[in-house]
Amino acid sequence: MRKSSCCTAAQHVPQSGNKLTHTSGDSWSDIAFSLTGEQPGPDSPFGNSFPSYPEETAIFGAHWFMYLTTEFNKSYIETYCLARSSGTVNASITPHGTDDFVKVLQGDFLPIYGGPSESGWHSSSSLFAMFFGVNDINMVAEEWEDDIPMILDEIFATYISLVGQVSTMTFTNDNRAEGTSSFTRPALVTSYSLICHQ
């Protein structure tokens, strides 16, 4: 199957010069990537994933970002997919599973992959894609029908704050590497599902 890797997540720092994508989200993006398994590399741009990928994904096939990585480009891209099934933005607001966006970004991605300035996460070569909302909206509609606007405001405040942390990381890495204080926003693709509840 996949080649074993000498590097675990704790040792892995994406290298400058590589084109990188980071994906966060719920089951519509989850590929069961393990932080301690094989990391993305030339022989496996997603690193480790479902044993019988892509048949085990929520859509029984390749997810959207897989096409971006392997089909619709001419260059080598490493994709770090930390999406988790049942994921919400903030489990303290909408407790649905254990791997919310707060934990995935602050507890997993930034400490392990955020890296120092020599890491590859720079605004010129990185794409961050975050797709959330299905689980949040369903829980809010079911549990807090009378407080939907207030709860959604809390969720969006967390979401915007976390997206800002991604911008800050690439800003810091850009400046350390280039010795400048200019601000260039990384490429961000964010989506938050809005479902009408009647």
N, C-alpha and C. Protein backbone atom coordinates (compact mmCIF):
# COMPACT_ATOMS: atom_id res chain seq x y z
N MET A 1 0.85 -1.18 0.00
CA MET A 1 0.00 0.00 0.00
C MET A 1 0.89 1.23 0.00
N ARG A 2 0.80 2.08 1.04
CA ARG A 2 1.60 3.29 1.08
C ARG A 2 2.96 3.01 1.70
N LYS A 3 3.96 3.74 1.23
CA LYS A 3 5.30 3.59 1.78
C LYS A 3 5.33 4.16 3.18
N SER A 4 6.10 3.52 4.07
CA SER A 4 6.22 4.05 5.41
C SER A 4 7.10 5.27 5.40
N SER A 5 6.91 6.16 6.37
CA SER A 5 7.68 7.39 6.43
C SER A 5 8.59 7.38 7.63
N CYS A 6 9.74 8.02 7.50
CA CYS A 6 10.67 8.12 8.61
C CYS A 6 10.28 9.24 9.54
N CYS A 7 9.33 10.04 9.12
CA CYS A 7 9.02 11.23 9.89
C CYS A 7 7.60 11.17 10.45
N THR A 8 7.46 11.44 11.74
CA THR A 8 6.14 11.59 12.33
C THR A 8 5.82 13.07 12.35
N ALA A 9 4.59 13.39 12.74
CA ALA A 9 4.18 14.78 12.75
C ALA A 9 5.07 15.62 13.65
N ALA A 10 5.48 15.07 14.80
CA ALA A 10 6.29 15.84 15.73
C ALA A 10 7.62 16.24 15.12
N GLN A 11 8.09 15.51 14.12
CA GLN A 11 9.37 15.79 13.49
C GLN A 11 9.20 16.53 12.17
N HIS A 12 7.98 16.64 11.71
CA HIS A 12 7.74 17.09 10.34
C HIS A 12 7.53 18.60 10.28
N VAL A 13 8.35 19.27 9.52
CA VAL A 13 8.17 20.69 9.24
C VAL A 13 8.13 20.84 7.72
N PRO A 14 6.97 21.22 7.16
CA PRO A 14 6.91 21.40 5.71
C PRO A 14 7.98 22.38 5.25
N GLN A 15 8.64 22.09 4.16
CA GLN A 15 9.78 22.88 3.72
C GLN A 15 9.36 24.04 2.83
N SER A 16 10.08 25.14 2.98
CA SER A 16 9.86 26.29 2.10
C SER A 16 10.09 25.88 0.66
N GLY A 17 9.31 26.45 -0.23
CA GLY A 17 9.44 26.14 -1.64
C GLY A 17 8.38 25.18 -2.11
N ASN A 18 7.84 24.35 -1.20
CA ASN A 18 6.76 23.45 -1.57
C ASN A 18 5.44 24.21 -1.56
N LYS A 19 4.52 23.81 -2.42
CA LYS A 19 3.18 24.36 -2.38
C LYS A 19 2.37 23.51 -1.42
N LEU A 20 1.69 24.17 -0.48
CA LEU A 20 1.02 23.46 0.61
C LEU A 20 -0.44 23.86 0.70
N THR A 21 -1.27 22.90 1.07
CA THR A 21 -2.64 23.23 1.42
C THR A 21 -2.94 22.62 2.78
N HIS A 22 -3.79 23.31 3.53
CA HIS A 22 -4.27 22.80 4.81
C HIS A 22 -5.79 22.83 4.75
N THR A 23 -6.40 21.72 5.11
CA THR A 23 -7.85 21.61 5.07
C THR A 23 -8.39 21.29 6.45
N SER A 24 -9.39 22.04 6.88
CA SER A 24 -10.11 21.74 8.11
C SER A 24 -11.58 21.62 7.76
N GLY A 25 -12.31 20.85 8.55
CA GLY A 25 -13.73 20.72 8.27
C GLY A 25 -14.33 19.52 8.97
N ASP A 26 -15.42 19.01 8.41
CA ASP A 26 -16.14 17.90 9.01
C ASP A 26 -16.06 16.67 8.09
N SER A 27 -17.06 15.82 8.15
CA SER A 27 -17.00 14.56 7.40
C SER A 27 -16.94 14.76 5.90
N TRP A 28 -17.37 15.92 5.41
CA TRP A 28 -17.34 16.16 3.97
C TRP A 28 -15.92 16.45 3.48
N SER A 29 -14.97 16.50 4.40
CA SER A 29 -13.56 16.67 4.04
C SER A 29 -12.65 15.64 4.69
N ASP A 30 -13.14 14.90 5.66
CA ASP A 30 -12.31 13.98 6.45
C ASP A 30 -11.77 12.81 5.62
N ILE A 31 -10.45 12.56 5.76
CA ILE A 31 -9.83 11.37 5.14
C ILE A 31 -9.14 10.51 6.19
N ALA A 32 -9.44 10.76 7.47
CA ALA A 32 -8.86 10.00 8.59
C ALA A 32 -7.35 10.13 8.66
N PHE A 33 -6.84 11.31 8.35
CA PHE A 33 -5.41 11.57 8.45
C PHE A 33 -4.98 11.49 9.90
N SER A 34 -3.91 10.74 10.17
CA SER A 34 -3.37 10.60 11.52
C SER A 34 -2.12 11.47 11.67
N LEU A 35 -2.08 12.25 12.73
CA LEU A 35 -0.94 13.12 12.97
C LEU A 35 0.36 12.35 13.13
N THR A 36 0.26 11.11 13.61
CA THR A 36 1.47 10.32 13.88
C THR A 36 1.80 9.34 12.77
N GLY A 37 1.02 9.34 11.71
CA GLY A 37 1.28 8.44 10.60
C GLY A 37 2.16 9.08 9.54
N GLU A 38 2.20 8.44 8.38
CA GLU A 38 2.99 8.96 7.27
C GLU A 38 2.55 10.38 6.92
N GLN A 39 3.50 11.25 6.74
CA GLN A 39 3.22 12.65 6.43
C GLN A 39 3.20 12.87 4.91
N PRO A 40 2.52 13.92 4.45
CA PRO A 40 2.50 14.19 3.01
C PRO A 40 3.90 14.31 2.43
N GLY A 41 4.08 13.75 1.26
CA GLY A 41 5.37 13.78 0.58
C GLY A 41 5.18 13.44 -0.89
N PRO A 42 6.27 13.42 -1.66
CA PRO A 42 6.16 13.19 -3.10
C PRO A 42 5.45 11.90 -3.48
N ASP A 43 5.61 10.83 -2.68
CA ASP A 43 4.98 9.56 -3.00
C ASP A 43 3.55 9.46 -2.49
N SER A 44 3.16 10.38 -1.63
CA SER A 44 1.83 10.34 -1.03
C SER A 44 1.44 11.75 -0.61
N PRO A 45 0.86 12.53 -1.52
CA PRO A 45 0.62 13.95 -1.22
C PRO A 45 -0.33 14.21 -0.07
N PHE A 46 -1.13 13.19 0.33
CA PHE A 46 -2.02 13.34 1.48
C PHE A 46 -1.46 12.68 2.73
N GLY A 47 -0.30 12.03 2.63
CA GLY A 47 0.18 11.26 3.77
C GLY A 47 -0.69 10.04 3.95
N ASN A 48 -0.96 9.71 5.19
CA ASN A 48 -1.81 8.55 5.48
C ASN A 48 -3.27 8.96 5.40
N SER A 49 -4.15 7.99 5.15
CA SER A 49 -5.59 8.26 5.11
C SER A 49 -6.32 6.94 5.34
N PHE A 50 -7.60 6.90 4.98
CA PHE A 50 -8.38 5.67 5.12
C PHE A 50 -7.64 4.50 4.45
N PRO A 51 -7.63 3.33 5.08
CA PRO A 51 -6.94 2.18 4.47
C PRO A 51 -7.41 1.88 3.06
N SER A 52 -8.70 2.05 2.79
CA SER A 52 -9.19 1.78 1.44
C SER A 52 -9.71 3.06 0.79
N TYR A 53 -8.96 4.15 1.00
CA TYR A 53 -9.31 5.41 0.36
C TYR A 53 -9.43 5.21 -1.15
N PRO A 54 -10.37 5.86 -1.85
CA PRO A 54 -11.31 6.84 -1.30
C PRO A 54 -12.68 6.26 -0.94
N GLU A 55 -12.84 4.95 -1.01
CA GLU A 55 -14.17 4.35 -0.81
C GLU A 55 -14.73 4.60 0.58
N GLU A 56 -13.86 4.87 1.59
CA GLU A 56 -14.35 5.04 2.95
C GLU A 56 -14.71 6.47 3.30
N THR A 57 -14.56 7.41 2.39
CA THR A 57 -14.92 8.79 2.71
C THR A 57 -16.43 8.92 2.82
N ALA A 58 -16.89 10.05 3.34
CA ALA A 58 -18.33 10.26 3.52
C ALA A 58 -19.08 10.27 2.21
N ILE A 59 -18.39 10.57 1.12
CA ILE A 59 -19.05 10.61 -0.19
C ILE A 59 -18.68 9.40 -1.04
N PHE A 60 -17.98 8.44 -0.43
CA PHE A 60 -17.57 7.21 -1.11
C PHE A 60 -16.75 7.49 -2.36
N GLY A 61 -15.93 8.49 -2.27
CA GLY A 61 -15.06 8.87 -3.38
C GLY A 61 -14.14 9.99 -2.97
N ALA A 62 -13.46 10.58 -3.93
CA ALA A 62 -12.51 11.64 -3.64
C ALA A 62 -13.23 12.92 -3.20
N HIS A 63 -12.67 13.57 -2.19
CA HIS A 63 -13.19 14.86 -1.74
C HIS A 63 -12.71 15.96 -2.67
N TRP A 64 -13.33 17.12 -2.54
CA TRP A 64 -13.05 18.28 -3.39
C TRP A 64 -11.57 18.64 -3.42
N PHE A 65 -10.90 18.66 -2.25
CA PHE A 65 -9.50 19.11 -2.20
C PHE A 65 -8.56 18.08 -2.81
N MET A 66 -9.00 16.83 -2.93
CA MET A 66 -8.17 15.82 -3.55
C MET A 66 -8.03 16.11 -5.05
N TYR A 67 -9.11 16.59 -5.66
CA TYR A 67 -9.02 17.00 -7.06
C TYR A 67 -8.06 18.18 -7.21
N LEU A 68 -8.13 19.12 -6.26
CA LEU A 68 -7.23 20.26 -6.29
C LEU A 68 -5.77 19.80 -6.22
N THR A 69 -5.51 18.82 -5.38
CA THR A 69 -4.14 18.36 -5.16
C THR A 69 -3.59 17.52 -6.30
N THR A 70 -4.42 16.62 -6.83
CA THR A 70 -3.88 15.63 -7.77
C THR A 70 -4.37 15.75 -9.20
N GLU A 71 -5.47 16.45 -9.43
CA GLU A 71 -6.05 16.48 -10.77
C GLU A 71 -5.93 17.84 -11.46
N PHE A 72 -6.27 18.90 -10.74
CA PHE A 72 -6.40 20.21 -11.37
C PHE A 72 -5.20 21.11 -11.14
N ASN A 73 -4.01 20.57 -11.26
CA ASN A 73 -2.81 21.38 -11.15
C ASN A 73 -1.70 20.67 -11.89
N LYS A 74 -0.63 21.40 -12.14
CA LYS A 74 0.52 20.84 -12.85
C LYS A 74 1.75 20.73 -11.95
N SER A 75 1.60 21.08 -10.69
CA SER A 75 2.76 21.09 -9.80
C SER A 75 2.54 20.20 -8.59
N TYR A 76 3.60 19.96 -7.87
CA TYR A 76 3.53 19.12 -6.68
C TYR A 76 2.95 19.92 -5.52
N ILE A 77 1.92 19.37 -4.88
CA ILE A 77 1.27 20.00 -3.73
C ILE A 77 1.19 18.99 -2.59
N GLU A 78 1.56 19.41 -1.39
CA GLU A 78 1.34 18.60 -0.19
C GLU A 78 0.06 19.08 0.47
N THR A 79 -0.82 18.16 0.83
CA THR A 79 -2.07 18.53 1.48
C THR A 79 -2.14 17.92 2.86
N TYR A 80 -2.34 18.78 3.84
CA TYR A 80 -2.46 18.37 5.24
C TYR A 80 -3.93 18.51 5.61
N CYS A 81 -4.64 17.39 5.65
CA CYS A 81 -6.08 17.41 5.90
C CYS A 81 -6.35 17.02 7.35
N LEU A 82 -6.70 18.00 8.16
CA LEU A 82 -7.02 17.74 9.55
C LEU A 82 -8.52 17.81 9.81
N ALA A 83 -9.31 17.67 8.75
CA ALA A 83 -10.77 17.64 8.92
C ALA A 83 -11.16 16.40 9.72
N ARG A 84 -12.21 16.53 10.52
CA ARG A 84 -12.68 15.43 11.35
C ARG A 84 -14.18 15.28 11.25
N SER A 85 -14.63 14.05 11.07
CA SER A 85 -16.06 13.78 11.04
C SER A 85 -16.70 14.28 12.33
N SER A 86 -17.90 14.79 12.22
CA SER A 86 -18.68 15.37 13.33
C SER A 86 -18.09 16.69 13.83
N GLY A 87 -17.13 17.24 13.10
CA GLY A 87 -16.49 18.46 13.55
C GLY A 87 -17.42 19.67 13.55
N THR A 88 -17.29 20.48 14.60
CA THR A 88 -17.95 21.76 14.69
C THR A 88 -16.87 22.83 14.86
N VAL A 89 -17.28 24.08 14.92
CA VAL A 89 -16.30 25.14 15.09
C VAL A 89 -15.79 25.19 16.52
N ASN A 90 -16.69 25.14 17.48
CA ASN A 90 -16.32 25.25 18.88
C ASN A 90 -17.20 24.32 19.71
N ALA A 91 -16.60 23.24 20.20
CA ALA A 91 -17.37 22.23 20.93
C ALA A 91 -17.92 22.75 22.25
N SER A 92 -17.39 23.84 22.76
CA SER A 92 -17.96 24.41 23.99
C SER A 92 -19.30 25.09 23.70
N ILE A 93 -19.57 25.40 22.43
CA ILE A 93 -20.85 25.97 22.03
C ILE A 93 -21.74 24.88 21.44
N THR A 94 -21.20 24.12 20.50
CA THR A 94 -21.94 23.03 19.87
C THR A 94 -21.17 21.73 20.04
N PRO A 95 -21.40 21.03 21.14
CA PRO A 95 -20.65 19.79 21.43
C PRO A 95 -21.10 18.63 20.56
N HIS A 96 -20.36 18.37 19.52
CA HIS A 96 -20.72 17.30 18.57
C HIS A 96 -19.43 16.63 18.14
N GLY A 97 -18.96 15.66 18.91
CA GLY A 97 -17.65 15.08 18.64
C GLY A 97 -16.59 15.81 19.43
N THR A 98 -15.37 15.35 19.34
CA THR A 98 -14.29 15.90 20.16
C THR A 98 -13.31 16.78 19.40
N ASP A 99 -13.27 16.66 18.09
CA ASP A 99 -12.28 17.41 17.31
C ASP A 99 -12.92 18.61 16.63
N ASP A 100 -13.12 19.68 17.40
CA ASP A 100 -13.66 20.89 16.81
C ASP A 100 -12.53 21.70 16.17
N PHE A 101 -12.89 22.79 15.49
CA PHE A 101 -11.91 23.61 14.79
C PHE A 101 -10.91 24.23 15.78
N VAL A 102 -11.39 24.58 16.98
CA VAL A 102 -10.49 25.12 18.01
C VAL A 102 -9.38 24.13 18.31
N LYS A 103 -9.75 22.88 18.58
CA LYS A 103 -8.76 21.86 18.93
C LYS A 103 -7.85 21.53 17.75
N VAL A 104 -8.44 21.40 16.57
CA VAL A 104 -7.65 21.03 15.39
C VAL A 104 -6.62 22.10 15.06
N LEU A 105 -7.02 23.37 15.13
CA LEU A 105 -6.09 24.44 14.77
C LEU A 105 -5.10 24.72 15.90
N GLN A 106 -5.62 24.97 17.11
CA GLN A 106 -4.76 25.38 18.21
C GLN A 106 -4.02 24.22 18.88
N GLY A 107 -4.64 23.05 18.89
CA GLY A 107 -4.03 21.91 19.57
C GLY A 107 -3.22 21.01 18.68
N ASP A 108 -3.56 20.97 17.39
CA ASP A 108 -2.86 20.06 16.46
C ASP A 108 -2.04 20.82 15.42
N PHE A 109 -2.72 21.60 14.58
CA PHE A 109 -2.03 22.19 13.44
C PHE A 109 -0.93 23.18 13.83
N LEU A 110 -1.27 24.20 14.59
CA LEU A 110 -0.28 25.24 14.90
C LEU A 110 0.92 24.71 15.68
N PRO A 111 0.72 23.90 16.74
CA PRO A 111 1.90 23.40 17.46
C PRO A 111 2.77 22.44 16.65
N ILE A 112 2.13 21.61 15.81
CA ILE A 112 2.89 20.58 15.08
C ILE A 112 3.39 21.08 13.74
N TYR A 113 2.53 21.78 13.00
CA TYR A 113 2.87 22.15 11.64
C TYR A 113 3.13 23.65 11.44
N GLY A 114 2.73 24.47 12.39
CA GLY A 114 2.89 25.91 12.23
C GLY A 114 4.33 26.28 11.98
N GLY A 115 5.21 25.68 12.76
CA GLY A 115 6.63 25.74 12.48
C GLY A 115 7.27 27.10 12.59
N PRO A 116 8.57 27.11 12.59
CA PRO A 116 9.33 28.35 12.58
C PRO A 116 9.36 28.94 11.19
N SER A 117 10.15 29.99 11.00
CA SER A 117 10.14 30.72 9.73
C SER A 117 10.58 29.88 8.55
N GLU A 118 11.39 28.83 8.81
CA GLU A 118 11.85 28.03 7.68
C GLU A 118 10.80 27.04 7.20
N SER A 119 9.67 26.96 7.88
CA SER A 119 8.62 26.06 7.42
C SER A 119 8.00 26.61 6.15
N GLY A 120 7.24 25.76 5.48
CA GLY A 120 6.69 26.15 4.18
C GLY A 120 5.44 26.99 4.23
N TRP A 121 4.90 27.28 5.42
CA TRP A 121 3.62 27.98 5.48
C TRP A 121 3.82 29.48 5.29
N HIS A 122 3.85 29.90 4.04
CA HIS A 122 4.01 31.31 3.70
C HIS A 122 2.84 31.72 2.80
N SER A 123 2.55 33.01 2.80
CA SER A 123 1.38 33.49 2.06
C SER A 123 1.49 33.24 0.56
N SER A 124 2.71 33.17 0.04
CA SER A 124 2.90 33.03 -1.40
C SER A 124 2.72 31.60 -1.90
N SER A 125 2.75 30.62 -0.99
CA SER A 125 2.73 29.23 -1.44
C SER A 125 1.74 28.35 -0.68
N SER A 126 0.87 28.97 0.11
CA SER A 126 -0.04 28.18 0.95
C SER A 126 -1.50 28.53 0.68
N LEU A 127 -2.32 27.52 0.73
CA LEU A 127 -3.77 27.69 0.63
C LEU A 127 -4.40 27.03 1.85
N PHE A 128 -5.23 27.78 2.55
CA PHE A 128 -5.93 27.26 3.72
C PHE A 128 -7.42 27.19 3.39
N ALA A 129 -7.99 26.00 3.50
CA ALA A 129 -9.40 25.80 3.16
C ALA A 129 -10.13 25.26 4.37
N MET A 130 -11.16 25.97 4.80
CA MET A 130 -11.91 25.59 5.99
C MET A 130 -13.39 25.53 5.65
N PHE A 131 -13.98 24.37 5.82
CA PHE A 131 -15.38 24.16 5.48
C PHE A 131 -16.12 23.59 6.69
N PHE A 132 -16.94 24.39 7.30
CA PHE A 132 -17.69 24.00 8.48
C PHE A 132 -19.15 24.44 8.35
N GLY A 133 -19.95 24.01 9.30
CA GLY A 133 -21.29 24.56 9.42
C GLY A 133 -22.42 23.56 9.50
N VAL A 134 -22.31 22.44 8.80
CA VAL A 134 -23.42 21.49 8.77
C VAL A 134 -23.79 21.03 10.18
N ASN A 135 -22.80 20.59 10.93
CA ASN A 135 -23.08 20.08 12.28
C ASN A 135 -23.47 21.20 13.23
N ASP A 136 -22.81 22.36 13.11
CA ASP A 136 -23.17 23.51 13.97
C ASP A 136 -24.63 23.92 13.76
N ILE A 137 -24.99 24.11 12.50
CA ILE A 137 -26.34 24.59 12.19
C ILE A 137 -27.40 23.58 12.63
N ASN A 138 -27.15 22.31 12.37
CA ASN A 138 -28.12 21.29 12.79
C ASN A 138 -28.31 21.28 14.29
N MET A 139 -27.21 21.39 15.04
CA MET A 139 -27.33 21.38 16.50
C MET A 139 -28.04 22.62 17.01
N VAL A 140 -27.70 23.77 16.45
CA VAL A 140 -28.35 25.02 16.88
C VAL A 140 -29.85 24.95 16.61
N ALA A 141 -30.22 24.47 15.42
CA ALA A 141 -31.63 24.40 15.06
C ALA A 141 -32.40 23.44 15.97
N GLU A 142 -31.74 22.37 16.39
CA GLU A 142 -32.41 21.37 17.22
C GLU A 142 -32.43 21.75 18.70
N GLU A 143 -31.36 22.36 19.19
CA GLU A 143 -31.21 22.57 20.63
C GLU A 143 -31.57 23.97 21.10
N TRP A 144 -31.35 24.97 20.26
CA TRP A 144 -31.52 26.36 20.71
C TRP A 144 -32.40 27.14 19.76
N GLU A 145 -33.55 26.60 19.46
CA GLU A 145 -34.41 27.20 18.43
C GLU A 145 -34.73 28.66 18.72
N ASP A 146 -34.88 29.02 20.00
CA ASP A 146 -35.24 30.39 20.35
C ASP A 146 -34.05 31.33 20.38
N ASP A 147 -32.83 30.79 20.33
CA ASP A 147 -31.63 31.62 20.46
C ASP A 147 -30.70 31.49 19.26
N ILE A 148 -31.24 31.12 18.11
CA ILE A 148 -30.40 30.86 16.94
C ILE A 148 -29.48 32.04 16.59
N PRO A 149 -29.98 33.27 16.49
CA PRO A 149 -29.08 34.38 16.12
C PRO A 149 -27.95 34.57 17.12
N MET A 150 -28.23 34.47 18.40
CA MET A 150 -27.21 34.67 19.42
C MET A 150 -26.14 33.58 19.36
N ILE A 151 -26.56 32.32 19.21
CA ILE A 151 -25.62 31.21 19.17
C ILE A 151 -24.77 31.28 17.90
N LEU A 152 -25.39 31.62 16.78
CA LEU A 152 -24.63 31.75 15.54
C LEU A 152 -23.60 32.87 15.63
N ASP A 153 -23.94 33.96 16.31
CA ASP A 153 -22.97 35.04 16.51
C ASP A 153 -21.75 34.53 17.28
N GLU A 154 -21.98 33.72 18.28
CA GLU A 154 -20.87 33.17 19.07
C GLU A 154 -20.00 32.24 18.21
N ILE A 155 -20.65 31.41 17.41
CA ILE A 155 -19.90 30.49 16.55
C ILE A 155 -19.07 31.27 15.53
N PHE A 156 -19.70 32.28 14.89
CA PHE A 156 -18.97 33.07 13.89
C PHE A 156 -17.81 33.83 14.51
N ALA A 157 -17.98 34.31 15.73
CA ALA A 157 -16.89 35.03 16.39
C ALA A 157 -15.68 34.11 16.58
N THR A 158 -15.94 32.86 16.96
CA THR A 158 -14.85 31.90 17.10
C THR A 158 -14.22 31.61 15.75
N TYR A 159 -15.05 31.40 14.75
CA TYR A 159 -14.58 31.07 13.40
C TYR A 159 -13.67 32.17 12.85
N ILE A 160 -14.10 33.41 12.96
CA ILE A 160 -13.31 34.54 12.46
C ILE A 160 -12.00 34.66 13.23
N SER A 161 -12.04 34.43 14.52
CA SER A 161 -10.82 34.49 15.33
C SER A 161 -9.82 33.43 14.89
N LEU A 162 -10.28 32.23 14.62
CA LEU A 162 -9.39 31.14 14.21
C LEU A 162 -8.80 31.40 12.82
N VAL A 163 -9.62 31.91 11.91
CA VAL A 163 -9.11 32.25 10.59
C VAL A 163 -8.03 33.33 10.72
N GLY A 164 -8.23 34.27 11.64
CA GLY A 164 -7.24 35.30 11.89
C GLY A 164 -5.92 34.74 12.38
N GLN A 165 -5.97 33.66 13.15
CA GLN A 165 -4.74 33.04 13.65
C GLN A 165 -3.92 32.43 12.51
N VAL A 166 -4.60 31.93 11.49
CA VAL A 166 -3.90 31.41 10.32
C VAL A 166 -3.17 32.55 9.61
N SER A 167 -3.84 33.69 9.46
CA SER A 167 -3.21 34.85 8.83
C SER A 167 -2.00 35.31 9.63
N THR A 168 -2.13 35.32 10.95
CA THR A 168 -1.02 35.75 11.81
C THR A 168 0.17 34.83 11.67
N MET A 169 -0.06 33.51 11.56
CA MET A 169 1.04 32.57 11.43
C MET A 169 1.82 32.83 10.15
N THR A 170 1.14 32.98 9.03
CA THR A 170 1.86 33.20 7.78
C THR A 170 2.52 34.57 7.76
N PHE A 171 1.90 35.57 8.38
CA PHE A 171 2.49 36.90 8.49
C PHE A 171 3.81 36.82 9.25
N THR A 172 3.81 36.09 10.38
CA THR A 172 5.02 35.93 11.18
C THR A 172 6.10 35.20 10.40
N ASN A 173 5.74 34.11 9.73
CA ASN A 173 6.72 33.35 8.95
C ASN A 173 7.27 34.17 7.79
N ASP A 174 6.41 34.91 7.09
CA ASP A 174 6.88 35.75 5.98
C ASP A 174 7.90 36.76 6.47
N ASN A 175 7.60 37.42 7.58
CA ASN A 175 8.47 38.48 8.08
C ASN A 175 9.79 37.94 8.59
N ARG A 176 9.77 36.80 9.26
CA ARG A 176 11.02 36.21 9.75
C ARG A 176 11.91 35.79 8.59
N ALA A 177 11.28 35.23 7.57
CA ALA A 177 12.06 34.73 6.44
C ALA A 177 12.60 35.86 5.57
N GLU A 178 11.80 36.93 5.43
CA GLU A 178 12.18 38.00 4.51
C GLU A 178 12.74 39.23 5.21
N GLY A 179 12.64 39.27 6.55
CA GLY A 179 13.13 40.42 7.28
C GLY A 179 12.35 41.69 7.00
N THR A 180 11.05 41.54 6.74
CA THR A 180 10.21 42.70 6.44
C THR A 180 9.07 42.77 7.44
N SER A 181 8.31 43.83 7.34
CA SER A 181 7.12 43.96 8.19
C SER A 181 5.87 44.17 7.36
N SER A 182 5.94 43.77 6.09
CA SER A 182 4.76 43.90 5.22
C SER A 182 3.79 42.78 5.50
N PHE A 183 2.52 43.03 5.25
CA PHE A 183 1.50 42.02 5.52
C PHE A 183 0.88 41.55 4.23
N THR A 184 1.01 40.27 3.96
CA THR A 184 0.37 39.66 2.80
C THR A 184 -0.55 38.56 3.31
N ARG A 185 -1.81 38.64 2.96
CA ARG A 185 -2.74 37.63 3.44
C ARG A 185 -2.53 36.32 2.69
N PRO A 186 -2.58 35.20 3.41
CA PRO A 186 -2.50 33.91 2.71
C PRO A 186 -3.79 33.67 1.94
N ALA A 187 -3.73 32.75 1.02
CA ALA A 187 -4.94 32.38 0.29
C ALA A 187 -5.86 31.61 1.24
N LEU A 188 -7.07 32.09 1.40
CA LEU A 188 -8.03 31.46 2.30
C LEU A 188 -9.29 31.11 1.53
N VAL A 189 -9.79 29.92 1.75
CA VAL A 189 -11.08 29.52 1.21
C VAL A 189 -11.90 29.10 2.42
N THR A 190 -12.90 29.90 2.75
CA THR A 190 -13.71 29.56 3.90
C THR A 190 -15.17 29.42 3.48
N SER A 191 -15.83 28.50 4.09
CA SER A 191 -17.24 28.28 3.80
C SER A 191 -17.94 27.89 5.08
N TYR A 192 -19.06 28.51 5.35
CA TYR A 192 -19.85 28.12 6.50
C TYR A 192 -21.26 27.87 6.02
N SER A 193 -21.71 26.63 6.14
CA SER A 193 -23.01 26.23 5.61
C SER A 193 -24.14 26.96 6.33
N LEU A 194 -25.06 27.48 5.59
CA LEU A 194 -26.26 28.09 6.16
C LEU A 194 -27.46 27.29 5.70
N ILE A 195 -28.16 26.72 6.66
CA ILE A 195 -29.32 25.89 6.36
C ILE A 195 -30.56 26.57 6.91
N CYS A 196 -31.54 26.78 6.08
CA CYS A 196 -32.79 27.39 6.54
C CYS A 196 -33.54 26.41 7.42
N HIS A 197 -33.94 26.89 8.57
CA HIS A 197 -34.70 26.04 9.50
C HIS A 197 -36.09 26.61 9.63
N GLN A 198 -37.08 25.79 9.40
CA GLN A 198 -38.45 26.24 9.49
C GLN A 198 -39.18 25.47 10.57
